[in-house]
Amino acid sequence: MDDLDALALHVMLKKGDDLLAYARIVPADDPAYMSFGRVLVPKQYRHLQLGRRLVTTTLAEVAQCYPDKGVKIAGQAYLQAFYQSFGFRPVSDLYLEDGIPHLDLVLAPPAG
């Protein structure tokens, strides 16, 4: 937990009391964008391919709550193609975050 949790919109996929997947939506460093992070699927649920459903649900929440904003994320480098399948494009070189290669990706704000 950090200071952003109180401001975040929390996206949870649950089955009963079990948390199947989670992400949080927060403001990005650029006011034209929102961001999401803390993306997780507990190990026992990873075989259910919930990552795509979680990102789809998260992007739908951003579109509904912040319709004029794009999305900017710091994604793990090995997931670049996954995020590009949603329309994200890389906007940075690789960098290390907590010893893990990352890059910044953006999904442009809606036109108009």
C-alpha atoms as a PDB file:
ATOM      1  CA  MET A   1       0.000   0.000   0.000  1.00  0.00           C
ATOM      2  CA  ASP A   2       1.051   3.581  -0.613  1.00  0.00           C
ATOM      3  CA  ASP A   3      -0.440   7.086  -0.679  1.00  0.00           C
ATOM      4  CA  LEU A   4      -2.016   6.491  -4.111  1.00  0.00           C
ATOM      5  CA  ASP A   5      -4.266   3.691  -2.843  1.00  0.00           C
ATOM      6  CA  ALA A   6      -6.652   6.154  -1.184  1.00  0.00           C
ATOM      7  CA  LEU A   7      -7.029   8.060  -4.490  1.00  0.00           C
ATOM      8  CA  ALA A   8      -7.087   5.029  -6.781  1.00  0.00           C
ATOM      9  CA  LEU A   9      -9.984   3.362  -8.525  1.00  0.00           C
ATOM     10  CA  HIS A  10      -9.521  -0.317  -7.689  1.00  0.00           C
ATOM     11  CA  VAL A  11     -10.433  -2.937 -10.300  1.00  0.00           C
ATOM     12  CA  MET A  12     -11.007  -6.408  -8.895  1.00  0.00           C
ATOM     13  CA  LEU A  13     -12.126  -9.595 -10.557  1.00  0.00           C
ATOM     14  CA  LYS A  14     -13.581 -11.811  -7.847  1.00  0.00           C
ATOM     15  CA  LYS A  15     -15.346 -15.110  -7.505  1.00  0.00           C
ATOM     16  CA  GLY A  16     -17.139 -15.156  -4.190  1.00  0.00           C
ATOM     17  CA  ASP A  17     -14.570 -14.045  -1.618  1.00  0.00           C
ATOM     18  CA  ASP A  18     -11.614 -15.041  -3.828  1.00  0.00           C
ATOM     19  CA  LEU A  19      -9.651 -12.262  -5.530  1.00  0.00           C
ATOM     20  CA  LEU A  20      -8.834 -13.544  -9.028  1.00  0.00           C
ATOM     21  CA  ALA A  21      -7.140 -10.435 -10.444  1.00  0.00           C
ATOM     22  CA  TYR A  22      -6.457  -6.840  -9.442  1.00  0.00           C
ATOM     23  CA  ALA A  23      -5.268  -3.504 -10.849  1.00  0.00           C
ATOM     24  CA  ARG A  24      -5.535   0.080  -9.703  1.00  0.00           C
ATOM     25  CA  ILE A  25      -6.199   3.184 -11.787  1.00  0.00           C
ATOM     26  CA  VAL A  26      -4.344   6.349 -10.788  1.00  0.00           C
ATOM     27  CA  PRO A  27      -3.483   9.703 -12.379  1.00  0.00           C
ATOM     28  CA  ALA A  28      -0.419   9.609 -14.646  1.00  0.00           C
ATOM     29  CA  ASP A  29       2.439  12.106 -14.498  1.00  0.00           C
ATOM     30  CA  ASP A  30       0.955  13.810 -17.589  1.00  0.00           C
ATOM     31  CA  PRO A  31      -2.556  15.275 -17.033  1.00  0.00           C
ATOM     32  CA  ALA A  32      -3.700  14.026 -20.469  1.00  0.00           C
ATOM     33  CA  TYR A  33      -3.427  10.444 -19.192  1.00  0.00           C
ATOM     34  CA  MET A  34      -4.532   8.097 -16.487  1.00  0.00           C
ATOM     35  CA  SER A  35      -2.421   5.118 -15.523  1.00  0.00           C
ATOM     36  CA  PHE A  36      -2.941   1.675 -14.115  1.00  0.00           C
ATOM     37  CA  GLY A  37      -0.597  -0.582 -12.253  1.00  0.00           C
ATOM     38  CA  ARG A  38      -0.208  -3.100  -9.479  1.00  0.00           C
ATOM     39  CA  VAL A  39      -1.569  -5.571 -11.998  1.00  0.00           C
ATOM     40  CA  LEU A  40      -1.713  -8.998 -10.453  1.00  0.00           C
ATOM     41  CA  VAL A  41      -3.222 -12.421 -10.887  1.00  0.00           C
ATOM     42  CA  PRO A  42      -2.453 -14.794  -7.996  1.00  0.00           C
ATOM     43  CA  LYS A  43      -0.464 -17.829  -9.093  1.00  0.00           C
ATOM     44  CA  GLN A  44      -3.311 -20.284  -8.507  1.00  0.00           C
ATOM     45  CA  TYR A  45      -5.494 -18.392 -11.040  1.00  0.00           C
ATOM     46  CA  ARG A  46      -2.958 -17.738 -13.807  1.00  0.00           C
ATOM     47  CA  HIS A  47      -4.116 -20.739 -15.834  1.00  0.00           C
ATOM     48  CA  LEU A  48      -7.475 -18.959 -16.331  1.00  0.00           C
ATOM     49  CA  GLN A  49      -5.936 -16.326 -18.649  1.00  0.00           C
ATOM     50  CA  LEU A  50      -7.399 -13.466 -16.634  1.00  0.00           C
ATOM     51  CA  GLY A  51      -4.750 -10.918 -17.666  1.00  0.00           C
ATOM     52  CA  ARG A  52      -6.563  -9.976 -20.868  1.00  0.00           C
ATOM     53  CA  ARG A  53      -9.904  -9.758 -19.070  1.00  0.00           C
ATOM     54  CA  LEU A  54      -8.366  -7.603 -16.327  1.00  0.00           C
ATOM     55  CA  VAL A  55      -6.787  -5.149 -18.783  1.00  0.00           C
ATOM     56  CA  THR A  56     -10.008  -5.008 -20.833  1.00  0.00           C
ATOM     57  CA  THR A  57     -12.023  -4.292 -17.682  1.00  0.00           C
ATOM     58  CA  THR A  58      -9.498  -1.699 -16.495  1.00  0.00           C
ATOM     59  CA  LEU A  59      -9.494   0.127 -19.834  1.00  0.00           C
ATOM     60  CA  ALA A  60     -13.307   0.113 -19.846  1.00  0.00           C
ATOM     61  CA  GLU A  61     -13.297   1.714 -16.373  1.00  0.00           C
ATOM     62  CA  VAL A  62     -10.858   4.401 -17.538  1.00  0.00           C
ATOM     63  CA  ALA A  63     -13.042   5.089 -20.597  1.00  0.00           C
ATOM     64  CA  GLN A  64     -16.172   5.354 -18.450  1.00  0.00           C
ATOM     65  CA  CYS A  65     -14.714   7.423 -15.589  1.00  0.00           C
ATOM     66  CA  TYR A  66     -12.190   9.506 -17.564  1.00  0.00           C
ATOM     67  CA  PRO A  67     -13.519   9.593 -21.143  1.00  0.00           C
ATOM     68  CA  ASP A  68     -11.182  12.374 -22.285  1.00  0.00           C
ATOM     69  CA  LYS A  69      -7.972  10.737 -21.026  1.00  0.00           C
ATOM     70  CA  GLY A  70      -5.497   8.391 -22.637  1.00  0.00           C
ATOM     71  CA  VAL A  71      -3.638   5.757 -20.648  1.00  0.00           C
ATOM     72  CA  LYS A  72       0.077   5.724 -19.854  1.00  0.00           C
ATOM     73  CA  ILE A  73       1.643   2.741 -18.098  1.00  0.00           C
ATOM     74  CA  ALA A  74       5.013   1.396 -17.062  1.00  0.00           C
ATOM     75  CA  GLY A  75       4.837  -2.162 -18.360  1.00  0.00           C
ATOM     76  CA  GLN A  76       7.228  -5.031 -17.873  1.00  0.00           C
ATOM     77  CA  ALA A  77       9.240  -5.377 -21.061  1.00  0.00           C
ATOM     78  CA  TYR A  78       8.313  -9.026 -21.634  1.00  0.00           C
ATOM     79  CA  LEU A  79       4.643  -7.947 -21.824  1.00  0.00           C
ATOM     80  CA  GLN A  80       5.184  -5.343 -24.559  1.00  0.00           C
ATOM     81  CA  ALA A  81       3.412  -7.377 -27.269  1.00  0.00           C
ATOM     82  CA  PHE A  82       0.528  -8.115 -24.872  1.00  0.00           C
ATOM     83  CA  TYR A  83      -0.030  -4.399 -24.210  1.00  0.00           C
ATOM     84  CA  GLN A  84       0.423  -3.543 -27.888  1.00  0.00           C
ATOM     85  CA  SER A  85      -2.459  -5.919 -28.647  1.00  0.00           C
ATOM     86  CA  PHE A  86      -4.672  -3.386 -26.795  1.00  0.00           C
ATOM     87  CA  GLY A  87      -3.328  -0.491 -28.878  1.00  0.00           C
ATOM     88  CA  PHE A  88      -0.549   0.689 -26.569  1.00  0.00           C
ATOM     89  CA  ARG A  89       2.641   1.933 -28.190  1.00  0.00           C
ATOM     90  CA  PRO A  90       6.073   2.200 -26.544  1.00  0.00           C
ATOM     91  CA  VAL A  91       7.306   5.731 -25.791  1.00  0.00           C
ATOM     92  CA  SER A  92      10.519   5.052 -23.868  1.00  0.00           C
ATOM     93  CA  ASP A  93      13.639   2.983 -23.928  1.00  0.00           C
ATOM     94  CA  LEU A  94      13.953   0.049 -21.552  1.00  0.00           C
ATOM     95  CA  TYR A  95      14.761   0.905 -17.937  1.00  0.00           C
ATOM     96  CA  LEU A  96      15.007  -1.057 -14.710  1.00  0.00           C
ATOM     97  CA  GLU A  97      12.327  -0.768 -12.045  1.00  0.00           C
ATOM     98  CA  ASP A  98      12.939  -2.950  -8.992  1.00  0.00           C
ATOM     99  CA  GLY A  99      15.515  -4.817 -11.094  1.00  0.00           C
ATOM    100  CA  ILE A 100      12.926  -5.707 -13.765  1.00  0.00           C
ATOM    101  CA  PRO A 101      13.131  -4.316 -17.336  1.00  0.00           C
ATOM    102  CA  HIS A 102      10.211  -1.947 -18.031  1.00  0.00           C
ATOM    103  CA  LEU A 103       9.173   0.539 -20.686  1.00  0.00           C
ATOM    104  CA  ASP A 104       6.558   3.264 -20.837  1.00  0.00           C
ATOM    105  CA  LEU A 105       3.590   2.642 -23.119  1.00  0.00           C
ATOM    106  CA  VAL A 106       0.688   4.899 -24.063  1.00  0.00           C
ATOM    107  CA  LEU A 107      -2.799   4.463 -25.404  1.00  0.00           C
ATOM    108  CA  ALA A 108      -3.763   7.779 -26.979  1.00  0.00           C
ATOM    109  CA  PRO A 109      -6.662   9.821 -25.631  1.00  0.00           C
ATOM    110  CA  PRO A 110      -9.872   9.553 -27.646  1.00  0.00           C
ATOM    111  CA  ALA A 111     -10.031  11.880 -30.646  1.00  0.00           C
ATOM    112  CA  GLY A 112     -12.166  14.963 -30.295  1.00  0.00           C
END
